[in-house]
Structure formats: structure tokens, C-alpha cells
């Protein structure tokens, strides 16, 4: 099993979300990522090396993007948010 860590901006991402969604992310989606981080979609081009985990909540698509450090068994969360405008914001975040 992998250990979840995050950059400081992810705390702000989570804080912007509905409380029930925050709970769902913690209790379900992050556990899924801890168990099987490579079950997500690998990104490419400017996002090579990152993984994108997709889920829906109340009719809205969300993304959790992270980097996996296999040798240390760490998943580093980079960004969490709704799909709309997500990858443009991600591009700004990783520059």
C-alpha cells in the first residue's frame, strides 16, 4: 500500500469542495489510490509522469492528479477539482 502526501495547494483545493464531497474523497477515492495508484489514467505531453484519477459526484466530473514514487511507496497529490478547466489550472500549477 502507498502513503498519500500532498503539496500545500491541495489543502486549498479540498477546502473549496462541499463537506460531503471532502468526506467521500477521504473515505473512498484516496483509499482507492493508496491501494492501486496505477489504476488511474497516465497523462502525457506536458503532464508526463502524472496520473489522473476520475470520479463523479452529484453529476459533476472530478479529477485527482498525482505523481507516484514507487521506490518510496508514496503518492504525491498535485491537484483535486472539478473537470471543467482542470487541466488549464494544472498547467499553471506545475510550471
PDB file of N, CA and C in Angstrom:
ATOM      1  N   UNK A   1       0.847  -1.184   0.000  1.00  0.00           N
ATOM      2  CA  UNK A   1       0.000   0.000   0.000  1.00  0.00           C
ATOM      3  C   UNK A   1       0.893   1.248   0.000  1.00  0.00           C
ATOM      4  N   UNK A   2       0.450   2.258  -0.687  1.00  0.00           N
ATOM      5  CA  UNK A   2       1.182   3.512  -0.800  1.00  0.00           C
ATOM      6  C   UNK A   2       0.721   4.502   0.274  1.00  0.00           C
ATOM      7  N   UNK A   3       1.562   5.464   0.572  1.00  0.00           N
ATOM      8  CA  UNK A   3       1.229   6.525   1.519  1.00  0.00           C
ATOM      9  C   UNK A   3       0.892   7.775   0.712  1.00  0.00           C
ATOM     10  N   UNK A   4      -0.200   8.442   1.070  1.00  0.00           N
ATOM     11  CA  UNK A   4      -0.642   9.660   0.383  1.00  0.00           C
ATOM     12  C   UNK A   4       0.001  10.877   1.058  1.00  0.00           C
ATOM     13  N   UNK A   5       0.609  11.721   0.239  1.00  0.00           N
ATOM     14  CA  UNK A   5       1.100  13.026   0.678  1.00  0.00           C
ATOM     15  C   UNK A   5       0.579  14.041  -0.323  1.00  0.00           C
ATOM     16  N   UNK A   6       0.707  15.324  -0.009  1.00  0.00           N
ATOM     17  CA  UNK A   6       0.202  16.322  -0.950  1.00  0.00           C
ATOM     18  C   UNK A   6       1.007  17.602  -0.859  1.00  0.00           C
ATOM     19  N   UNK A   7       1.002  18.340  -1.969  1.00  0.00           N
ATOM     20  CA  UNK A   7       1.594  19.667  -1.946  1.00  0.00           C
ATOM     21  C   UNK A   7       0.621  20.582  -1.200  1.00  0.00           C
ATOM     22  N   UNK A   8       1.078  21.697  -0.720  1.00  0.00           N
ATOM     23  CA  UNK A   8       0.239  22.572   0.114  1.00  0.00           C
ATOM     24  C   UNK A   8      -1.012  23.081  -0.606  1.00  0.00           C
ATOM     25  N   UNK A   9      -0.934  23.275  -1.907  1.00  0.00           N
ATOM     26  CA  UNK A   9      -2.088  23.784  -2.665  1.00  0.00           C
ATOM     27  C   UNK A   9      -3.271  22.818  -2.649  1.00  0.00           C
ATOM     28  N   UNK A  10      -3.026  21.541  -2.452  1.00  0.00           N
ATOM     29  CA  UNK A  10      -4.109  20.552  -2.439  1.00  0.00           C
ATOM     30  C   UNK A  10      -5.041  20.800  -1.251  1.00  0.00           C
ATOM     31  N   UNK A  11      -4.519  21.264  -0.149  1.00  0.00           N
ATOM     32  CA  UNK A  11      -5.368  21.583   1.010  1.00  0.00           C
ATOM     33  C   UNK A  11      -6.373  22.673   0.642  1.00  0.00           C
ATOM     34  N   UNK A  12      -5.928  23.645  -0.134  1.00  0.00           N
ATOM     35  CA  UNK A  12      -6.856  24.701  -0.600  1.00  0.00           C
ATOM     36  C   UNK A  12      -7.879  24.125  -1.574  1.00  0.00           C
ATOM     37  N   UNK A  13      -7.433  23.215  -2.453  1.00  0.00           N
ATOM     38  CA  UNK A  13      -8.364  22.565  -3.388  1.00  0.00           C
ATOM     39  C   UNK A  13      -9.487  21.879  -2.624  1.00  0.00           C
ATOM     40  N   UNK A  14      -9.108  21.106  -1.619  1.00  0.00           N
ATOM     41  CA  UNK A  14     -10.085  20.328  -0.843  1.00  0.00           C
ATOM     42  C   UNK A  14     -11.012  21.260  -0.065  1.00  0.00           C
ATOM     43  N   UNK A  15     -10.460  22.311   0.505  1.00  0.00           N
ATOM     44  CA  UNK A  15     -11.251  23.252   1.309  1.00  0.00           C
ATOM     45  C   UNK A  15     -12.370  23.907   0.490  1.00  0.00           C
ATOM     46  N   UNK A  16     -12.173  24.055  -0.814  1.00  0.00           N
ATOM     47  CA  UNK A  16     -13.169  24.677  -1.689  1.00  0.00           C
ATOM     48  C   UNK A  16     -14.361  23.761  -1.979  1.00  0.00           C
ATOM     49  N   UNK A  17     -14.211  22.468  -1.690  1.00  0.00           N
ATOM     50  CA  UNK A  17     -15.241  21.484  -2.038  1.00  0.00           C
ATOM     51  C   UNK A  17     -16.280  21.338  -0.943  1.00  0.00           C
ATOM     52  N   UNK A  18     -17.448  20.877  -1.340  1.00  0.00           N
ATOM     53  CA  UNK A  18     -18.547  20.546  -0.440  1.00  0.00           C
ATOM     54  C   UNK A  18     -18.052  19.576   0.648  1.00  0.00           C
ATOM     55  N   UNK A  19     -18.540  19.750   1.868  1.00  0.00           N
ATOM     56  CA  UNK A  19     -18.092  18.915   3.004  1.00  0.00           C
ATOM     57  C   UNK A  19     -18.333  17.423   2.763  1.00  0.00           C
ATOM     58  N   UNK A  20     -19.470  17.071   2.191  1.00  0.00           N
ATOM     59  CA  UNK A  20     -19.754  15.662   1.920  1.00  0.00           C
ATOM     60  C   UNK A  20     -18.793  15.113   0.861  1.00  0.00           C
ATOM     61  N   UNK A  21     -18.477  15.924  -0.129  1.00  0.00           N
ATOM     62  CA  UNK A  21     -17.522  15.509  -1.148  1.00  0.00           C
ATOM     63  C   UNK A  21     -16.134  15.324  -0.531  1.00  0.00           C
ATOM     64  N   UNK A  22     -15.747  16.207   0.361  1.00  0.00           N
ATOM     65  CA  UNK A  22     -14.459  16.060   1.055  1.00  0.00           C
ATOM     66  C   UNK A  22     -14.396  14.714   1.776  1.00  0.00           C
ATOM     67  N   UNK A  23     -15.482  14.374   2.433  1.00  0.00           N
ATOM     68  CA  UNK A  23     -15.550  13.103   3.161  1.00  0.00           C
ATOM     69  C   UNK A  23     -15.459  11.912   2.201  1.00  0.00           C
ATOM     70  N   UNK A  24     -16.173  11.994   1.082  1.00  0.00           N
ATOM     71  CA  UNK A  24     -16.144  10.926   0.078  1.00  0.00           C
ATOM     72  C   UNK A  24     -14.739  10.750  -0.495  1.00  0.00           C
ATOM     73  N   UNK A  25     -14.069  11.849  -0.760  1.00  0.00           N
ATOM     74  CA  UNK A  25     -12.695  11.770  -1.277  1.00  0.00           C
ATOM     75  C   UNK A  25     -11.801  11.067  -0.270  1.00  0.00           C
ATOM     76  N   UNK A  26     -11.887  11.469   0.994  1.00  0.00           N
ATOM     77  CA  UNK A  26     -11.047  10.867   2.039  1.00  0.00           C
ATOM     78  C   UNK A  26     -11.356   9.387   2.246  1.00  0.00           C
ATOM     79  N   UNK A  27     -12.639   9.052   2.350  1.00  0.00           N
ATOM     80  CA  UNK A  27     -13.032   7.698   2.721  1.00  0.00           C
ATOM     81  C   UNK A  27     -13.064   6.707   1.568  1.00  0.00           C
ATOM     82  N   UNK A  28     -13.160   7.188   0.349  1.00  0.00           N
ATOM     83  CA  UNK A  28     -13.265   6.271  -0.781  1.00  0.00           C
ATOM     84  C   UNK A  28     -12.134   6.445  -1.798  1.00  0.00           C
ATOM     85  N   UNK A  29     -12.040   7.617  -2.386  1.00  0.00           N
ATOM     86  CA  UNK A  29     -11.138   7.803  -3.525  1.00  0.00           C
ATOM     87  C   UNK A  29      -9.661   7.762  -3.139  1.00  0.00           C
ATOM     88  N   UNK A  30      -9.293   8.396  -2.046  1.00  0.00           N
ATOM     89  CA  UNK A  30      -7.887   8.337  -1.641  1.00  0.00           C
ATOM     90  C   UNK A  30      -7.491   6.924  -1.223  1.00  0.00           C
ATOM     91  N   UNK A  31      -8.415   6.174  -0.645  1.00  0.00           N
ATOM     92  CA  UNK A  31      -8.138   4.770  -0.303  1.00  0.00           C
ATOM     93  C   UNK A  31      -7.913   3.950  -1.568  1.00  0.00           C
ATOM     94  N   UNK A  32      -8.726   4.204  -2.600  1.00  0.00           N
ATOM     95  CA  UNK A  32      -8.538   3.503  -3.877  1.00  0.00           C
ATOM     96  C   UNK A  32      -7.152   3.803  -4.454  1.00  0.00           C
ATOM     97  N   UNK A  33      -6.749   5.055  -4.380  1.00  0.00           N
ATOM     98  CA  UNK A  33      -5.437   5.453  -4.908  1.00  0.00           C
ATOM     99  C   UNK A  33      -4.315   4.821  -4.091  1.00  0.00           C
ATOM    100  N   UNK A  34      -4.456   4.795  -2.778  1.00  0.00           N
ATOM    101  CA  UNK A  34      -3.435   4.165  -1.919  1.00  0.00           C
ATOM    102  C   UNK A  34      -3.230   2.702  -2.286  1.00  0.00           C
ATOM    103  N   UNK A  35      -4.333   2.009  -2.554  1.00  0.00           N
ATOM    104  CA  UNK A  35      -4.266   0.580  -2.856  1.00  0.00           C
ATOM    105  C   UNK A  35      -3.739   0.305  -4.259  1.00  0.00           C
ATOM    106  N   UNK A  36      -4.220   1.068  -5.240  1.00  0.00           N
ATOM    107  CA  UNK A  36      -3.865   0.818  -6.644  1.00  0.00           C
ATOM    108  C   UNK A  36      -3.617   2.128  -7.396  1.00  0.00           C
ATOM    109  N   UNK A  37      -2.481   2.774  -7.147  1.00  0.00           N
ATOM    110  CA  UNK A  37      -2.244   4.075  -7.774  1.00  0.00           C
ATOM    111  C   UNK A  37      -2.099   4.019  -9.294  1.00  0.00           C
ATOM    112  N   UNK A  38      -1.749   2.859  -9.832  1.00  0.00           N
ATOM    113  CA  UNK A  38      -1.558   2.756 -11.279  1.00  0.00           C
ATOM    114  C   UNK A  38      -2.825   2.346 -12.015  1.00  0.00           C
ATOM    115  N   UNK A  39      -3.957   2.323 -11.310  1.00  0.00           N
ATOM    116  CA  UNK A  39      -5.239   2.010 -11.948  1.00  0.00           C
ATOM    117  C   UNK A  39      -5.866   3.264 -12.578  1.00  0.00           C
ATOM    118  N   UNK A  40      -5.255   4.410 -12.368  1.00  0.00           N
ATOM    119  CA  UNK A  40      -5.722   5.670 -12.951  1.00  0.00           C
ATOM    120  C   UNK A  40      -5.200   5.800 -14.383  1.00  0.00           C
ATOM    121  N   UNK A  41      -5.452   6.927 -14.978  1.00  0.00           N
ATOM    122  CA  UNK A  41      -5.052   7.165 -16.367  1.00  0.00           C
ATOM    123  C   UNK A  41      -3.714   7.916 -16.389  1.00  0.00           C
ATOM    124  N   UNK A  42      -2.723   7.348 -17.077  1.00  0.00           N
ATOM    125  CA  UNK A  42      -1.443   8.070 -17.170  1.00  0.00           C
ATOM    126  C   UNK A  42      -1.583   9.266 -18.115  1.00  0.00           C
ATOM    127  N   UNK A  43      -1.017  10.381 -17.717  1.00  0.00           N
ATOM    128  CA  UNK A  43      -1.075  11.578 -18.550  1.00  0.00           C
ATOM    129  C   UNK A  43       0.172  11.648 -19.420  1.00  0.00           C
ATOM    130  N   UNK A  44       0.124  12.494 -20.444  1.00  0.00           N
ATOM    131  CA  UNK A  44       1.245  12.587 -21.375  1.00  0.00           C
ATOM    132  C   UNK A  44       1.472  14.032 -21.774  1.00  0.00           C
ATOM    133  N   UNK A  45       2.361  14.249 -22.717  1.00  0.00           N
ATOM    134  CA  UNK A  45       2.801  15.581 -23.169  1.00  0.00           C
ATOM    135  C   UNK A  45       3.360  16.355 -21.980  1.00  0.00           C
ATOM    136  N   UNK A  46       2.843  17.515 -21.698  1.00  0.00           N
ATOM    137  CA  UNK A  46       3.355  18.355 -20.614  1.00  0.00           C
ATOM    138  C   UNK A  46       3.098  17.796 -19.227  1.00  0.00           C
ATOM    139  N   UNK A  47       2.255  16.764 -19.146  1.00  0.00           N
ATOM    140  CA  UNK A  47       1.914  16.168 -17.854  1.00  0.00           C
ATOM    141  C   UNK A  47       2.500  14.771 -17.687  1.00  0.00           C
ATOM    142  N   UNK A  48       3.478  14.437 -18.515  1.00  0.00           N
ATOM    143  CA  UNK A  48       4.069  13.099 -18.467  1.00  0.00           C
ATOM    144  C   UNK A  48       4.594  12.796 -17.064  1.00  0.00           C
ATOM    145  N   UNK A  49       4.310  11.587 -16.602  1.00  0.00           N
ATOM    146  CA  UNK A  49       4.719  11.168 -15.267  1.00  0.00           C
ATOM    147  C   UNK A  49       3.630  11.347 -14.219  1.00  0.00           C
ATOM    148  N   UNK A  50       2.541  12.031 -14.589  1.00  0.00           N
ATOM    149  CA  UNK A  50       1.423  12.231 -13.667  1.00  0.00           C
ATOM    150  C   UNK A  50       0.292  11.265 -14.008  1.00  0.00           C
ATOM    151  N   UNK A  51      -0.536  10.994 -13.013  1.00  0.00           N
ATOM    152  CA  UNK A  51      -1.687  10.100 -13.160  1.00  0.00           C
ATOM    153  C   UNK A  51      -2.956  10.870 -12.825  1.00  0.00           C
ATOM    154  N   UNK A  52      -4.046  10.555 -13.535  1.00  0.00           N
ATOM    155  CA  UNK A  52      -5.321  11.229 -13.334  1.00  0.00           C
ATOM    156  C   UNK A  52      -6.394  10.211 -12.943  1.00  0.00           C
ATOM    157  N   UNK A  53      -6.897  10.368 -11.726  1.00  0.00           N
ATOM    158  CA  UNK A  53      -7.960   9.514 -11.193  1.00  0.00           C
ATOM    159  C   UNK A  53      -9.280  10.258 -11.410  1.00  0.00           C
ATOM    160  N   UNK A  54     -10.254   9.611 -12.028  1.00  0.00           N
ATOM    161  CA  UNK A  54     -11.530  10.247 -12.376  1.00  0.00           C
ATOM    162  C   UNK A  54     -12.655   9.685 -11.512  1.00  0.00           C
ATOM    163  N   UNK A  55     -13.582  10.569 -11.111  1.00  0.00           N
ATOM    164  CA  UNK A  55     -14.803  10.117 -10.429  1.00  0.00           C
ATOM    165  C   UNK A  55     -15.885  11.165 -10.610  1.00  0.00           C
ATOM    166  N   UNK A  56     -17.124  10.754 -10.390  1.00  0.00           N
ATOM    167  CA  UNK A  56     -18.277  11.650 -10.485  1.00  0.00           C
ATOM    168  C   UNK A  56     -18.886  11.838  -9.110  1.00  0.00           C
ATOM    169  N   UNK A  57     -19.399  13.039  -8.879  1.00  0.00           N
ATOM    170  CA  UNK A  57     -20.103  13.341  -7.631  1.00  0.00           C
ATOM    171  C   UNK A  57     -21.215  14.318  -7.965  1.00  0.00           C
ATOM    172  N   UNK A  58     -22.430  13.945  -7.666  1.00  0.00           N
ATOM    173  CA  UNK A  58     -23.611  14.786  -7.925  1.00  0.00           C
ATOM    174  C   UNK A  58     -23.649  15.321  -9.350  1.00  0.00           C
ATOM    175  N   UNK A  59     -23.331  14.462 -10.307  1.00  0.00           N
ATOM    176  CA  UNK A  59     -23.417  14.827 -11.707  1.00  0.00           C
ATOM    177  C   UNK A  59     -22.250  15.644 -12.247  1.00  0.00           C
ATOM    178  N   UNK A  60     -21.228  15.858 -11.430  1.00  0.00           N
ATOM    179  CA  UNK A  60     -20.048  16.611 -11.865  1.00  0.00           C
ATOM    180  C   UNK A  60     -18.844  15.683 -11.891  1.00  0.00           C
ATOM    181  N   UNK A  61     -18.046  15.797 -12.938  1.00  0.00           N
ATOM    182  CA  UNK A  61     -16.827  15.002 -13.038  1.00  0.00           C
ATOM    183  C   UNK A  61     -15.702  15.693 -12.279  1.00  0.00           C
ATOM    184  N   UNK A  62     -14.929  14.904 -11.532  1.00  0.00           N
ATOM    185  CA  UNK A  62     -13.792  15.410 -10.762  1.00  0.00           C
ATOM    186  C   UNK A  62     -12.531  14.661 -11.145  1.00  0.00           C
ATOM    187  N   UNK A  63     -11.400  15.296 -10.865  1.00  0.00           N
ATOM    188  CA  UNK A  63     -10.092  14.705 -11.142  1.00  0.00           C
ATOM    189  C   UNK A  63      -9.207  14.841  -9.904  1.00  0.00           C
ATOM    190  N   UNK A  64      -8.393  13.820  -9.686  1.00  0.00           N
ATOM    191  CA  UNK A  64      -7.317  13.878  -8.705  1.00  0.00           C
ATOM    192  C   UNK A  64      -6.054  13.540  -9.490  1.00  0.00           C
ATOM    193  N   UNK A  65      -5.127  14.478  -9.555  1.00  0.00           N
ATOM    194  CA  UNK A  65      -3.881  14.243 -10.283  1.00  0.00           C
ATOM    195  C   UNK A  65      -2.750  14.103  -9.276  1.00  0.00           C
ATOM    196  N   UNK A  66      -1.904  13.120  -9.537  1.00  0.00           N
ATOM    197  CA  UNK A  66      -0.816  12.827  -8.597  1.00  0.00           C
ATOM    198  C   UNK A  66       0.380  12.230  -9.323  1.00  0.00           C
ATOM    199  N   UNK A  67       1.477  12.191  -8.587  1.00  0.00           N
ATOM    200  CA  UNK A  67       2.707  11.571  -9.066  1.00  0.00           C
ATOM    201  C   UNK A  67       3.020  10.407  -8.131  1.00  0.00           C
ATOM    202  N   UNK A  68       3.521   9.317  -8.693  1.00  0.00           N
ATOM    203  CA  UNK A  68       3.819   8.128  -7.901  1.00  0.00           C
ATOM    204  C   UNK A  68       5.327   7.963  -7.774  1.00  0.00           C
ATOM    205  N   UNK A  69       5.782   7.773  -6.548  1.00  0.00           N
ATOM    206  CA  UNK A  69       7.185   7.469  -6.253  1.00  0.00           C
ATOM    207  C   UNK A  69       7.235   6.025  -5.771  1.00  0.00           C
ATOM    208  N   UNK A  70       7.369   5.111  -6.721  1.00  0.00           N
ATOM    209  CA  UNK A  70       7.284   3.679  -6.427  1.00  0.00           C
ATOM    210  C   UNK A  70       8.310   3.217  -5.410  1.00  0.00           C
ATOM    211  N   UNK A  71       9.548   3.684  -5.551  1.00  0.00           N
ATOM    212  CA  UNK A  71      10.613   3.216  -4.666  1.00  0.00           C
ATOM    213  C   UNK A  71      10.347   3.571  -3.198  1.00  0.00           C
ATOM    214  N   UNK A  72       9.642   4.688  -2.962  1.00  0.00           N
ATOM    215  CA  UNK A  72       9.319   5.108  -1.597  1.00  0.00           C
ATOM    216  C   UNK A  72       7.882   4.778  -1.199  1.00  0.00           C
ATOM    217  N   UNK A  73       7.108   4.211  -2.143  1.00  0.00           N
ATOM    218  CA  UNK A  73       5.691   3.886  -1.913  1.00  0.00           C
ATOM    219  C   UNK A  73       4.902   5.125  -1.491  1.00  0.00           C
ATOM    220  N   UNK A  74       5.121   6.227  -2.227  1.00  0.00           N
ATOM    221  CA  UNK A  74       4.438   7.491  -1.940  1.00  0.00           C
ATOM    222  C   UNK A  74       3.644   7.937  -3.167  1.00  0.00           C
ATOM    223  N   UNK A  75       2.444   8.425  -2.915  1.00  0.00           N
ATOM    224  CA  UNK A  75       1.631   9.087  -3.931  1.00  0.00           C
ATOM    225  C   UNK A  75       1.557  10.548  -3.518  1.00  0.00           C
ATOM    226  N   UNK A  76       2.073  11.434  -4.372  1.00  0.00           N
ATOM    227  CA  UNK A  76       2.071  12.872  -4.082  1.00  0.00           C
ATOM    228  C   UNK A  76       0.927  13.535  -4.849  1.00  0.00           C
ATOM    229  N   UNK A  77      -0.080  13.987  -4.114  1.00  0.00           N
ATOM    230  CA  UNK A  77      -1.216  14.663  -4.736  1.00  0.00           C
ATOM    231  C   UNK A  77      -0.780  16.031  -5.231  1.00  0.00           C
ATOM    232  N   UNK A  78      -1.167  16.348  -6.463  1.00  0.00           N
ATOM    233  CA  UNK A  78      -0.806  17.617  -7.087  1.00  0.00           C
ATOM    234  C   UNK A  78      -2.007  18.561  -7.163  1.00  0.00           C
ATOM    235  N   UNK A  79      -3.185  17.989  -7.474  1.00  0.00           N
ATOM    236  CA  UNK A  79      -4.367  18.830  -7.638  1.00  0.00           C
ATOM    237  C   UNK A  79      -5.639  17.994  -7.557  1.00  0.00           C
ATOM    238  N   UNK A  80      -6.686  18.578  -6.973  1.00  0.00           N
ATOM    239  CA  UNK A  80      -8.014  17.950  -6.899  1.00  0.00           C
ATOM    240  C   UNK A  80      -9.029  19.009  -7.291  1.00  0.00           C
ATOM    241  N   UNK A  81      -9.990  18.629  -8.159  1.00  0.00           N
ATOM    242  CA  UNK A  81     -11.021  19.590  -8.512  1.00  0.00           C
ATOM    243  C   UNK A  81     -11.951  19.086  -9.586  1.00  0.00           C
ATOM    244  N   UNK A  82     -12.960  19.903  -9.929  1.00  0.00           N
ATOM    245  CA  UNK A  82     -13.888  19.535 -10.992  1.00  0.00           C
ATOM    246  C   UNK A  82     -13.188  19.558 -12.344  1.00  0.00           C
ATOM    247  N   UNK A  83     -13.664  18.752 -13.266  1.00  0.00           N
ATOM    248  CA  UNK A  83     -13.055  18.577 -14.586  1.00  0.00           C
ATOM    249  C   UNK A  83     -12.983  19.884 -15.387  1.00  0.00           C
ATOM    250  N   UNK A  84     -14.013  20.705 -15.286  1.00  0.00           N
ATOM    251  CA  UNK A  84     -14.066  21.923 -16.089  1.00  0.00           C
ATOM    252  C   UNK A  84     -12.892  22.852 -15.751  1.00  0.00           C
ATOM    253  N   UNK A  85     -12.068  23.126 -16.735  1.00  0.00           N
ATOM    254  CA  UNK A  85     -10.919  23.997 -16.566  1.00  0.00           C
ATOM    255  C   UNK A  85      -9.769  23.389 -15.777  1.00  0.00           C
ATOM    256  N   UNK A  86      -9.898  22.118 -15.436  1.00  0.00           N
ATOM    257  CA  UNK A  86      -8.923  21.466 -14.559  1.00  0.00           C
ATOM    258  C   UNK A  86      -7.519  21.440 -15.155  1.00  0.00           C
ATOM    259  N   UNK A  87      -7.414  21.000 -16.396  1.00  0.00           N
ATOM    260  CA  UNK A  87      -6.080  20.812 -16.968  1.00  0.00           C
ATOM    261  C   UNK A  87      -5.375  22.142 -17.268  1.00  0.00           C
ATOM    262  N   UNK A  88      -6.131  23.196 -17.525  1.00  0.00           N
ATOM    263  CA  UNK A  88      -5.525  24.518 -17.683  1.00  0.00           C
ATOM    264  C   UNK A  88      -4.944  24.984 -16.333  1.00  0.00           C
ATOM    265  N   UNK A  89      -5.706  24.760 -15.270  1.00  0.00           N
ATOM    266  CA  UNK A  89      -5.238  25.137 -13.929  1.00  0.00           C
ATOM    267  C   UNK A  89      -4.031  24.270 -13.527  1.00  0.00           C
ATOM    268  N   UNK A  90      -4.072  22.997 -13.896  1.00  0.00           N
ATOM    269  CA  UNK A  90      -2.958  22.105 -13.586  1.00  0.00           C
ATOM    270  C   UNK A  90      -1.695  22.586 -14.278  1.00  0.00           C
ATOM    271  N   UNK A  91      -1.829  23.013 -15.520  1.00  0.00           N
ATOM    272  CA  UNK A  91      -0.671  23.502 -16.269  1.00  0.00           C
ATOM    273  C   UNK A  91      -0.024  24.681 -15.524  1.00  0.00           C
ATOM    274  N   UNK A  92      -0.834  25.575 -14.998  1.00  0.00           N
ATOM    275  CA  UNK A  92      -0.322  26.714 -14.231  1.00  0.00           C
ATOM    276  C   UNK A  92       0.348  26.253 -12.940  1.00  0.00           C
ATOM    277  N   UNK A  93      -0.221  25.253 -12.324  1.00  0.00           N
ATOM    278  CA  UNK A  93       0.302  24.789 -11.036  1.00  0.00           C
ATOM    279  C   UNK A  93       1.656  24.109 -11.166  1.00  0.00           C
ATOM    280  N   UNK A  94       1.893  23.369 -12.233  1.00  0.00           N
ATOM    281  CA  UNK A  94       3.136  22.607 -12.313  1.00  0.00           C
ATOM    282  C   UNK A  94       4.275  23.348 -13.010  1.00  0.00           C
ATOM    283  N   UNK A  95       4.043  24.573 -13.444  1.00  0.00           N
ATOM    284  CA  UNK A  95       5.115  25.341 -14.102  1.00  0.00           C
ATOM    285  C   UNK A  95       6.198  25.692 -13.125  1.00  0.00           C
TER     286      UNK A  95
END
